[in-house]
């Protein structure tokens, strides 16, 4: 089928931290001028659609709210469809909790600790007694820049008592300017999983839940899409599972020497400029 849409990973493809990666703005404009739908498909569960669009405007990237498909947007519909009656605890940004609450009730770890006067200081033995009554059906962990010992303990105890551990994504690292990376959401989820002895369920790439949400909302099918990403273990595996062609660019966290060998369903290119040439836009 003819190409109708391009799916973009965000961090490492369109931007790195607060800085745009050129030539992303021009690439987006030319793709849209060619009649192609341009969609962000991001594992980052922190920002909501409005926050993503604010960043896109600052970086001269022409995306509308309905073009943004992140785990932040997916989590609420997914939980409501698959866990409608579950008691769910969320560790993540206030935007993640707010987006989910548009679809169903959830508890926030921040609010849980604040109600018990256990925020803003190191944990104490008395604080740990608060965990005695923790009881949830599921714990969802998204990126949380205020994560602390009590939040990790809260998640770990809930999972050990039977809660399903759900991670926004398995990304161990998060790219920032300066050629370094910070701990990603997968680092936090893996810690809780290791302590609890369970295997987490991930909503983000390489799982296909985001793609299913895109198909449901846009009416497009995966046979009409290509994927542009920077991580073989998420972006390429996601596209390969869906039967989509992948362009991996070397502007993200994966060093060129760690990129896979090009094949019938994937090619590695330095930047979006070379992708544009391949696509003829």
C-alpha atoms as a PDB file:
ATOM      1  CA  UNK A   1       0.000   0.000   0.000  1.00  0.00           C
ATOM      2  CA  UNK A   2       1.189   3.614  -0.576  1.00  0.00           C
ATOM      3  CA  UNK A   3       2.902   5.392   2.303  1.00  0.00           C
ATOM      4  CA  UNK A   4       0.494   7.635   4.225  1.00  0.00           C
ATOM      5  CA  UNK A   5       2.118   8.226   7.611  1.00  0.00           C
ATOM      6  CA  UNK A   6       5.528   8.566   9.257  1.00  0.00           C
ATOM      7  CA  UNK A   7       5.896   7.614  12.913  1.00  0.00           C
ATOM      8  CA  UNK A   8       8.635   9.490  14.778  1.00  0.00           C
ATOM      9  CA  UNK A   9      10.273   8.628  18.028  1.00  0.00           C
ATOM     10  CA  UNK A  10      10.875  11.924  19.844  1.00  0.00           C
ATOM     11  CA  UNK A  11      13.942  11.849  22.107  1.00  0.00           C
ATOM     12  CA  UNK A  12      17.017  11.298  19.958  1.00  0.00           C
ATOM     13  CA  UNK A  13      15.169  11.822  16.665  1.00  0.00           C
ATOM     14  CA  UNK A  14      13.310  15.148  16.891  1.00  0.00           C
ATOM     15  CA  UNK A  15      15.030  16.572  19.956  1.00  0.00           C
ATOM     16  CA  UNK A  16      17.622  15.875  22.601  1.00  0.00           C
ATOM     17  CA  UNK A  17      16.620  17.324  25.951  1.00  0.00           C
ATOM     18  CA  UNK A  18      15.508  20.897  25.264  1.00  0.00           C
ATOM     19  CA  UNK A  19      17.341  21.169  21.927  1.00  0.00           C
ATOM     20  CA  UNK A  20      15.888  20.414  18.506  1.00  0.00           C
ATOM     21  CA  UNK A  21      17.792  17.997  16.272  1.00  0.00           C
ATOM     22  CA  UNK A  22      18.176  19.486  12.815  1.00  0.00           C
ATOM     23  CA  UNK A  23      16.860  19.101  10.187  1.00  0.00           C
ATOM     24  CA  UNK A  24      13.708  17.873  11.986  1.00  0.00           C
ATOM     25  CA  UNK A  25      11.580  21.051  11.526  1.00  0.00           C
ATOM     26  CA  UNK A  26      12.233  21.176   7.764  1.00  0.00           C
ATOM     27  CA  UNK A  27      11.727  17.414   7.451  1.00  0.00           C
ATOM     28  CA  UNK A  28       8.296  17.656   9.113  1.00  0.00           C
ATOM     29  CA  UNK A  29       7.201  20.542   6.893  1.00  0.00           C
ATOM     30  CA  UNK A  30       8.274  18.740   3.724  1.00  0.00           C
ATOM     31  CA  UNK A  31       6.629  15.490   4.746  1.00  0.00           C
ATOM     32  CA  UNK A  32       3.355  17.265   5.483  1.00  0.00           C
ATOM     33  CA  UNK A  33       3.576  19.198   2.216  1.00  0.00           C
ATOM     34  CA  UNK A  34       3.902  15.829   0.465  1.00  0.00           C
ATOM     35  CA  UNK A  35       0.576  14.782   2.003  1.00  0.00           C
ATOM     36  CA  UNK A  36       2.036  12.483   4.651  1.00  0.00           C
ATOM     37  CA  UNK A  37       0.635  12.244   8.160  1.00  0.00           C
ATOM     38  CA  UNK A  38       3.363  12.878  10.756  1.00  0.00           C
ATOM     39  CA  UNK A  39       2.876  11.325  14.208  1.00  0.00           C
ATOM     40  CA  UNK A  40       5.006  11.251  17.333  1.00  0.00           C
ATOM     41  CA  UNK A  41       5.171   7.828  18.997  1.00  0.00           C
ATOM     42  CA  UNK A  42       6.942   8.305  22.309  1.00  0.00           C
ATOM     43  CA  UNK A  43       7.601   6.018  25.258  1.00  0.00           C
ATOM     44  CA  UNK A  44       7.877   9.040  27.564  1.00  0.00           C
ATOM     45  CA  UNK A  45       4.861   9.005  29.883  1.00  0.00           C
ATOM     46  CA  UNK A  46       5.713  12.268  31.642  1.00  0.00           C
ATOM     47  CA  UNK A  47       4.221  15.033  29.437  1.00  0.00           C
ATOM     48  CA  UNK A  48       0.617  15.061  28.247  1.00  0.00           C
ATOM     49  CA  UNK A  49      -0.396  15.990  24.710  1.00  0.00           C
ATOM     50  CA  UNK A  50      -0.587  19.698  25.505  1.00  0.00           C
ATOM     51  CA  UNK A  51       2.907  19.697  27.020  1.00  0.00           C
ATOM     52  CA  UNK A  52       4.295  17.835  24.021  1.00  0.00           C
ATOM     53  CA  UNK A  53       2.722  20.400  21.693  1.00  0.00           C
ATOM     54  CA  UNK A  54       4.119  23.299  23.732  1.00  0.00           C
ATOM     55  CA  UNK A  55       7.592  21.824  23.296  1.00  0.00           C
ATOM     56  CA  UNK A  56       7.011  21.242  19.582  1.00  0.00           C
ATOM     57  CA  UNK A  57       6.016  24.889  19.123  1.00  0.00           C
ATOM     58  CA  UNK A  58       9.172  26.053  20.900  1.00  0.00           C
ATOM     59  CA  UNK A  59      11.254  23.843  18.620  1.00  0.00           C
ATOM     60  CA  UNK A  60       9.396  24.797  15.408  1.00  0.00           C
ATOM     61  CA  UNK A  61       7.972  21.289  14.973  1.00  0.00           C
ATOM     62  CA  UNK A  62       4.528  21.318  13.368  1.00  0.00           C
ATOM     63  CA  UNK A  63       2.572  18.754  15.387  1.00  0.00           C
ATOM     64  CA  UNK A  64      -1.039  19.064  16.581  1.00  0.00           C
ATOM     65  CA  UNK A  65      -2.291  17.457  19.831  1.00  0.00           C
ATOM     66  CA  UNK A  66      -3.945  14.672  17.851  1.00  0.00           C
ATOM     67  CA  UNK A  67      -0.550  13.863  16.289  1.00  0.00           C
ATOM     68  CA  UNK A  68       0.946  12.925  19.672  1.00  0.00           C
ATOM     69  CA  UNK A  69       0.809   9.293  20.769  1.00  0.00           C
ATOM     70  CA  UNK A  70       2.736   8.718  23.968  1.00  0.00           C
ATOM     71  CA  UNK A  71       2.318   6.339  26.889  1.00  0.00           C
ATOM     72  CA  UNK A  72       0.869   9.309  28.777  1.00  0.00           C
ATOM     73  CA  UNK A  73      -1.991   9.362  26.263  1.00  0.00           C
ATOM     74  CA  UNK A  74      -2.288   5.574  26.079  1.00  0.00           C
ATOM     75  CA  UNK A  75      -2.271   4.664  29.777  1.00  0.00           C
ATOM     76  CA  UNK A  76      -5.801   5.793  30.641  1.00  0.00           C
ATOM     77  CA  UNK A  77      -7.602   4.037  27.764  1.00  0.00           C
ATOM     78  CA  UNK A  78      -5.458   0.915  28.268  1.00  0.00           C
ATOM     79  CA  UNK A  79      -6.182   0.648  31.985  1.00  0.00           C
ATOM     80  CA  UNK A  80      -9.879   1.306  31.508  1.00  0.00           C
ATOM     81  CA  UNK A  81     -10.177  -1.303  28.747  1.00  0.00           C
ATOM     82  CA  UNK A  82      -8.101  -4.000  30.467  1.00  0.00           C
ATOM     83  CA  UNK A  83      -8.344  -3.238  34.202  1.00  0.00           C
ATOM     84  CA  UNK A  84     -11.678  -1.410  34.614  1.00  0.00           C
ATOM     85  CA  UNK A  85     -12.246  -2.372  38.240  1.00  0.00           C
ATOM     86  CA  UNK A  86      -8.629  -2.575  39.401  1.00  0.00           C
ATOM     87  CA  UNK A  87      -7.202  -0.492  42.214  1.00  0.00           C
ATOM     88  CA  UNK A  88      -4.232   1.155  40.492  1.00  0.00           C
ATOM     89  CA  UNK A  89      -1.323   3.060  42.031  1.00  0.00           C
ATOM     90  CA  UNK A  90       0.577   5.447  39.733  1.00  0.00           C
ATOM     91  CA  UNK A  91       4.194   6.463  40.239  1.00  0.00           C
ATOM     92  CA  UNK A  92       4.940   9.155  37.676  1.00  0.00           C
ATOM     93  CA  UNK A  93       4.364  12.765  36.755  1.00  0.00           C
ATOM     94  CA  UNK A  94       1.236  14.676  37.824  1.00  0.00           C
ATOM     95  CA  UNK A  95       0.425  14.938  34.097  1.00  0.00           C
ATOM     96  CA  UNK A  96       0.370  11.137  33.835  1.00  0.00           C
ATOM     97  CA  UNK A  97      -2.016  10.829  36.773  1.00  0.00           C
ATOM     98  CA  UNK A  98      -4.183  13.610  35.339  1.00  0.00           C
ATOM     99  CA  UNK A  99      -4.360  12.012  31.900  1.00  0.00           C
ATOM    100  CA  UNK A 100      -5.369   8.646  33.361  1.00  0.00           C
ATOM    101  CA  UNK A 101      -8.039  10.280  35.532  1.00  0.00           C
ATOM    102  CA  UNK A 102      -9.769  11.506  32.400  1.00  0.00           C
ATOM    103  CA  UNK A 103     -10.684   7.831  31.877  1.00  0.00           C
ATOM    104  CA  UNK A 104     -10.804   6.210  35.350  1.00  0.00           C
ATOM    105  CA  UNK A 105      -9.873   6.699  39.010  1.00  0.00           C
ATOM    106  CA  UNK A 106      -6.311   5.949  40.152  1.00  0.00           C
ATOM    107  CA  UNK A 107      -4.236   6.680  43.237  1.00  0.00           C
ATOM    108  CA  UNK A 108      -1.071   8.765  42.998  1.00  0.00           C
ATOM    109  CA  UNK A 109       1.999   7.765  45.003  1.00  0.00           C
ATOM    110  CA  UNK A 110       2.717  11.464  45.588  1.00  0.00           C
ATOM    111  CA  UNK A 111      -0.740  12.004  47.039  1.00  0.00           C
ATOM    112  CA  UNK A 112      -0.575   8.741  49.025  1.00  0.00           C
ATOM    113  CA  UNK A 113       2.620   9.868  50.759  1.00  0.00           C
ATOM    114  CA  UNK A 114       1.479  13.478  51.202  1.00  0.00           C
ATOM    115  CA  UNK A 115      -1.693  12.345  52.964  1.00  0.00           C
ATOM    116  CA  UNK A 116       0.520  10.531  55.472  1.00  0.00           C
ATOM    117  CA  UNK A 117       3.004  13.357  55.935  1.00  0.00           C
ATOM    118  CA  UNK A 118       5.825  11.355  54.392  1.00  0.00           C
ATOM    119  CA  UNK A 119       7.137  13.642  51.650  1.00  0.00           C
ATOM    120  CA  UNK A 120      10.056  16.004  51.343  1.00  0.00           C
ATOM    121  CA  UNK A 121      12.422  14.203  53.721  1.00  0.00           C
ATOM    122  CA  UNK A 122      14.374  10.973  54.101  1.00  0.00           C
ATOM    123  CA  UNK A 123      12.442   7.861  55.059  1.00  0.00           C
ATOM    124  CA  UNK A 124      12.326   6.882  58.713  1.00  0.00           C
ATOM    125  CA  UNK A 125      11.459   3.566  60.439  1.00  0.00           C
ATOM    126  CA  UNK A 126       8.063   5.040  61.325  1.00  0.00           C
ATOM    127  CA  UNK A 127       7.451   5.865  57.645  1.00  0.00           C
ATOM    128  CA  UNK A 128       8.129   2.269  56.692  1.00  0.00           C
ATOM    129  CA  UNK A 129       5.314   1.196  58.991  1.00  0.00           C
ATOM    130  CA  UNK A 130       2.955   3.025  56.623  1.00  0.00           C
ATOM    131  CA  UNK A 131       3.559   0.313  54.043  1.00  0.00           C
ATOM    132  CA  UNK A 132       1.874  -2.330  56.209  1.00  0.00           C
ATOM    133  CA  UNK A 133      -1.559  -1.681  54.703  1.00  0.00           C
ATOM    134  CA  UNK A 134      -0.560  -1.250  51.036  1.00  0.00           C
ATOM    135  CA  UNK A 135      -2.975  -3.160  48.801  1.00  0.00           C
ATOM    136  CA  UNK A 136      -3.360  -2.599  45.041  1.00  0.00           C
ATOM    137  CA  UNK A 137      -4.247  -4.658  41.975  1.00  0.00           C
ATOM    138  CA  UNK A 138      -1.730  -2.890  39.714  1.00  0.00           C
ATOM    139  CA  UNK A 139       1.174  -0.468  39.954  1.00  0.00           C
ATOM    140  CA  UNK A 140       1.952   1.703  36.912  1.00  0.00           C
ATOM    141  CA  UNK A 141       5.399   3.315  36.830  1.00  0.00           C
ATOM    142  CA  UNK A 142       6.160   6.194  34.481  1.00  0.00           C
ATOM    143  CA  UNK A 143       9.197   8.468  34.501  1.00  0.00           C
ATOM    144  CA  UNK A 144       9.350  10.245  37.860  1.00  0.00           C
ATOM    145  CA  UNK A 145      12.109  12.788  38.505  1.00  0.00           C
ATOM    146  CA  UNK A 146      11.122  12.946  42.200  1.00  0.00           C
ATOM    147  CA  UNK A 147      11.304   9.199  42.813  1.00  0.00           C
ATOM    148  CA  UNK A 148      12.615   8.340  46.299  1.00  0.00           C
ATOM    149  CA  UNK A 149      13.051   5.427  48.678  1.00  0.00           C
ATOM    150  CA  UNK A 150       9.488   5.477  49.981  1.00  0.00           C
ATOM    151  CA  UNK A 151       7.963   5.525  46.495  1.00  0.00           C
ATOM    152  CA  UNK A 152      10.107   2.567  45.497  1.00  0.00           C
ATOM    153  CA  UNK A 153       9.169   0.793  48.706  1.00  0.00           C
ATOM    154  CA  UNK A 154       5.490   1.525  48.141  1.00  0.00           C
ATOM    155  CA  UNK A 155       5.638   0.027  44.644  1.00  0.00           C
ATOM    156  CA  UNK A 156       7.712  -2.964  45.735  1.00  0.00           C
ATOM    157  CA  UNK A 157       5.446  -3.874  48.636  1.00  0.00           C
ATOM    158  CA  UNK A 158       2.319  -3.553  46.489  1.00  0.00           C
ATOM    159  CA  UNK A 159       3.783  -5.825  43.805  1.00  0.00           C
ATOM    160  CA  UNK A 160       4.978  -8.393  46.363  1.00  0.00           C
ATOM    161  CA  UNK A 161       1.417  -8.517  47.662  1.00  0.00           C
ATOM    162  CA  UNK A 162       0.044  -9.375  44.250  1.00  0.00           C
ATOM    163  CA  UNK A 163      -0.227  -6.141  42.254  1.00  0.00           C
ATOM    164  CA  UNK A 164       0.591  -6.377  38.548  1.00  0.00           C
ATOM    165  CA  UNK A 165       3.702  -4.351  37.719  1.00  0.00           C
ATOM    166  CA  UNK A 166       3.120  -2.190  34.619  1.00  0.00           C
ATOM    167  CA  UNK A 167       5.922  -0.051  33.219  1.00  0.00           C
ATOM    168  CA  UNK A 168       5.435   2.858  30.861  1.00  0.00           C
ATOM    169  CA  UNK A 169       8.481   1.688  28.915  1.00  0.00           C
ATOM    170  CA  UNK A 170      11.672  -0.391  29.241  1.00  0.00           C
ATOM    171  CA  UNK A 171      14.087   2.412  28.265  1.00  0.00           C
ATOM    172  CA  UNK A 172      17.071   2.262  30.626  1.00  0.00           C
ATOM    173  CA  UNK A 173      18.434   5.611  29.486  1.00  0.00           C
ATOM    174  CA  UNK A 174      17.148   9.076  28.642  1.00  0.00           C
ATOM    175  CA  UNK A 175      19.172  11.257  26.215  1.00  0.00           C
ATOM    176  CA  UNK A 176      20.117  14.824  27.175  1.00  0.00           C
ATOM    177  CA  UNK A 177      22.409  17.422  25.572  1.00  0.00           C
ATOM    178  CA  UNK A 178      26.132  16.991  26.073  1.00  0.00           C
ATOM    179  CA  UNK A 179      26.503  13.456  24.799  1.00  0.00           C
ATOM    180  CA  UNK A 180      25.402  11.820  28.052  1.00  0.00           C
ATOM    181  CA  UNK A 181      22.296   9.956  29.197  1.00  0.00           C
ATOM    182  CA  UNK A 182      20.303   9.894  32.432  1.00  0.00           C
ATOM    183  CA  UNK A 183      18.423   6.976  34.020  1.00  0.00           C
ATOM    184  CA  UNK A 184      15.264   6.178  32.094  1.00  0.00           C
ATOM    185  CA  UNK A 185      11.975   4.705  33.212  1.00  0.00           C
ATOM    186  CA  UNK A 186      13.154   1.145  32.603  1.00  0.00           C
ATOM    187  CA  UNK A 187      15.812   1.623  35.280  1.00  0.00           C
ATOM    188  CA  UNK A 188      13.147   2.331  37.901  1.00  0.00           C
ATOM    189  CA  UNK A 189      10.840  -0.465  36.771  1.00  0.00           C
ATOM    190  CA  UNK A 190      13.699  -2.952  36.722  1.00  0.00           C
ATOM    191  CA  UNK A 191      14.601  -2.065  40.299  1.00  0.00           C
ATOM    192  CA  UNK A 192      11.056  -2.747  41.514  1.00  0.00           C
ATOM    193  CA  UNK A 193      10.856  -5.904  39.398  1.00  0.00           C
ATOM    194  CA  UNK A 194      14.151  -7.175  40.788  1.00  0.00           C
ATOM    195  CA  UNK A 195      13.130  -6.545  44.388  1.00  0.00           C
ATOM    196  CA  UNK A 196       9.717  -8.136  43.838  1.00  0.00           C
ATOM    197  CA  UNK A 197      10.780 -11.049  41.647  1.00  0.00           C
ATOM    198  CA  UNK A 198       8.226 -10.388  38.909  1.00  0.00           C
ATOM    199  CA  UNK A 199       8.243  -9.758  35.159  1.00  0.00           C
ATOM    200  CA  UNK A 200       6.802  -6.315  34.272  1.00  0.00           C
ATOM    201  CA  UNK A 201       4.325  -5.587  31.502  1.00  0.00           C
ATOM    202  CA  UNK A 202       5.414  -2.636  29.361  1.00  0.00           C
ATOM    203  CA  UNK A 203       2.961  -0.353  27.553  1.00  0.00           C
ATOM    204  CA  UNK A 204       5.495   1.450  25.352  1.00  0.00           C
ATOM    205  CA  UNK A 205       7.596   0.285  22.433  1.00  0.00           C
ATOM    206  CA  UNK A 206       8.442  -2.438  21.509  1.00  0.00           C
ATOM    207  CA  UNK A 207       4.937  -3.508  22.627  1.00  0.00           C
ATOM    208  CA  UNK A 208       2.317  -2.690  20.002  1.00  0.00           C
ATOM    209  CA  UNK A 209      -0.247  -1.009  22.274  1.00  0.00           C
ATOM    210  CA  UNK A 210       0.696   2.453  20.977  1.00  0.00           C
ATOM    211  CA  UNK A 211       0.312   1.307  17.380  1.00  0.00           C
ATOM    212  CA  UNK A 212      -3.106  -0.167  18.117  1.00  0.00           C
ATOM    213  CA  UNK A 213      -4.144   3.177  19.629  1.00  0.00           C
ATOM    214  CA  UNK A 214      -2.900   5.025  16.534  1.00  0.00           C
ATOM    215  CA  UNK A 215      -4.844   2.742  14.209  1.00  0.00           C
ATOM    216  CA  UNK A 216      -7.987   3.129  16.305  1.00  0.00           C
ATOM    217  CA  UNK A 217      -7.816   6.935  16.386  1.00  0.00           C
ATOM    218  CA  UNK A 218      -6.553   7.732  12.879  1.00  0.00           C
ATOM    219  CA  UNK A 219      -8.121   4.998  10.758  1.00  0.00           C
ATOM    220  CA  UNK A 220      -4.707   4.317   9.226  1.00  0.00           C
ATOM    221  CA  UNK A 221      -3.244   0.831   9.094  1.00  0.00           C
ATOM    222  CA  UNK A 222       0.322  -0.209   9.869  1.00  0.00           C
ATOM    223  CA  UNK A 223       0.847  -1.200   6.236  1.00  0.00           C
ATOM    224  CA  UNK A 224       0.621   2.518   5.379  1.00  0.00           C
ATOM    225  CA  UNK A 225       3.315   3.618   7.861  1.00  0.00           C
ATOM    226  CA  UNK A 226       7.071   3.715   8.341  1.00  0.00           C
ATOM    227  CA  UNK A 227       8.950   4.218  11.600  1.00  0.00           C
ATOM    228  CA  UNK A 228      11.859   6.589  12.283  1.00  0.00           C
ATOM    229  CA  UNK A 229      13.711   5.957  15.529  1.00  0.00           C
ATOM    230  CA  UNK A 230      17.091   5.770  17.197  1.00  0.00           C
ATOM    231  CA  UNK A 231      16.875   2.676  19.439  1.00  0.00           C
ATOM    232  CA  UNK A 232      17.069  -0.784  17.863  1.00  0.00           C
ATOM    233  CA  UNK A 233      15.663  -2.471  20.990  1.00  0.00           C
ATOM    234  CA  UNK A 234      12.520  -0.339  21.049  1.00  0.00           C
ATOM    235  CA  UNK A 235      11.914   1.493  17.760  1.00  0.00           C
ATOM    236  CA  UNK A 236      13.164  -1.208  15.400  1.00  0.00           C
ATOM    237  CA  UNK A 237      11.715  -4.112  17.387  1.00  0.00           C
ATOM    238  CA  UNK A 238       8.387  -2.241  17.541  1.00  0.00           C
ATOM    239  CA  UNK A 239       8.291  -1.693  13.789  1.00  0.00           C
ATOM    240  CA  UNK A 240       9.531  -5.197  12.987  1.00  0.00           C
ATOM    241  CA  UNK A 241       6.786  -6.738  15.117  1.00  0.00           C
ATOM    242  CA  UNK A 242       4.272  -4.636  13.201  1.00  0.00           C
ATOM    243  CA  UNK A 243       5.719  -5.398   9.772  1.00  0.00           C
ATOM    244  CA  UNK A 244       6.740  -1.776   9.151  1.00  0.00           C
ATOM    245  CA  UNK A 245       9.906  -0.492   7.516  1.00  0.00           C
ATOM    246  CA  UNK A 246      12.310   1.302   9.895  1.00  0.00           C
ATOM    247  CA  UNK A 247      14.792   4.132   9.468  1.00  0.00           C
ATOM    248  CA  UNK A 248      17.225   4.289  12.391  1.00  0.00           C
ATOM    249  CA  UNK A 249      19.152   7.554  12.759  1.00  0.00           C
ATOM    250  CA  UNK A 250      22.439   8.059  14.578  1.00  0.00           C
ATOM    251  CA  UNK A 251      21.372  11.215  16.446  1.00  0.00           C
ATOM    252  CA  UNK A 252      20.136   9.430  19.570  1.00  0.00           C
ATOM    253  CA  UNK A 253      21.533   7.239  22.334  1.00  0.00           C
ATOM    254  CA  UNK A 254      22.733   4.302  20.226  1.00  0.00           C
ATOM    255  CA  UNK A 255      26.371   4.574  19.036  1.00  0.00           C
ATOM    256  CA  UNK A 256      26.853   3.798  15.313  1.00  0.00           C
ATOM    257  CA  UNK A 257      28.930   0.719  16.127  1.00  0.00           C
ATOM    258  CA  UNK A 258      25.998  -0.723  18.120  1.00  0.00           C
ATOM    259  CA  UNK A 259      23.463  -0.274  15.345  1.00  0.00           C
ATOM    260  CA  UNK A 260      22.205  -3.451  13.638  1.00  0.00           C
ATOM    261  CA  UNK A 261      23.160  -4.351  10.106  1.00  0.00           C
ATOM    262  CA  UNK A 262      20.720  -3.017   7.537  1.00  0.00           C
ATOM    263  CA  UNK A 263      18.263  -5.501   6.076  1.00  0.00           C
ATOM    264  CA  UNK A 264      15.114  -5.762   4.006  1.00  0.00           C
ATOM    265  CA  UNK A 265      13.053  -4.015   6.693  1.00  0.00           C
ATOM    266  CA  UNK A 266      15.527  -1.481   8.110  1.00  0.00           C
ATOM    267  CA  UNK A 267      18.340   0.910   7.238  1.00  0.00           C
ATOM    268  CA  UNK A 268      20.657   2.989   9.456  1.00  0.00           C
ATOM    269  CA  UNK A 269      21.319   6.586   8.356  1.00  0.00           C
ATOM    270  CA  UNK A 270      23.230   9.471   9.963  1.00  0.00           C
ATOM    271  CA  UNK A 271      20.392  12.029  10.195  1.00  0.00           C
ATOM    272  CA  UNK A 272      16.887  12.848   9.025  1.00  0.00           C
ATOM    273  CA  UNK A 273      18.392  14.575   5.991  1.00  0.00           C
ATOM    274  CA  UNK A 274      19.384  11.187   4.548  1.00  0.00           C
ATOM    275  CA  UNK A 275      15.959   9.765   5.441  1.00  0.00           C
ATOM    276  CA  UNK A 276      14.339  12.584   3.479  1.00  0.00           C
ATOM    277  CA  UNK A 277      16.428  11.673   0.453  1.00  0.00           C
ATOM    278  CA  UNK A 278      15.382   8.017   0.713  1.00  0.00           C
ATOM    279  CA  UNK A 279      11.722   9.003   0.966  1.00  0.00           C
ATOM    280  CA  UNK A 280      11.973  11.547  -1.848  1.00  0.00           C
ATOM    281  CA  UNK A 281      10.629  14.476   0.164  1.00  0.00           C
END
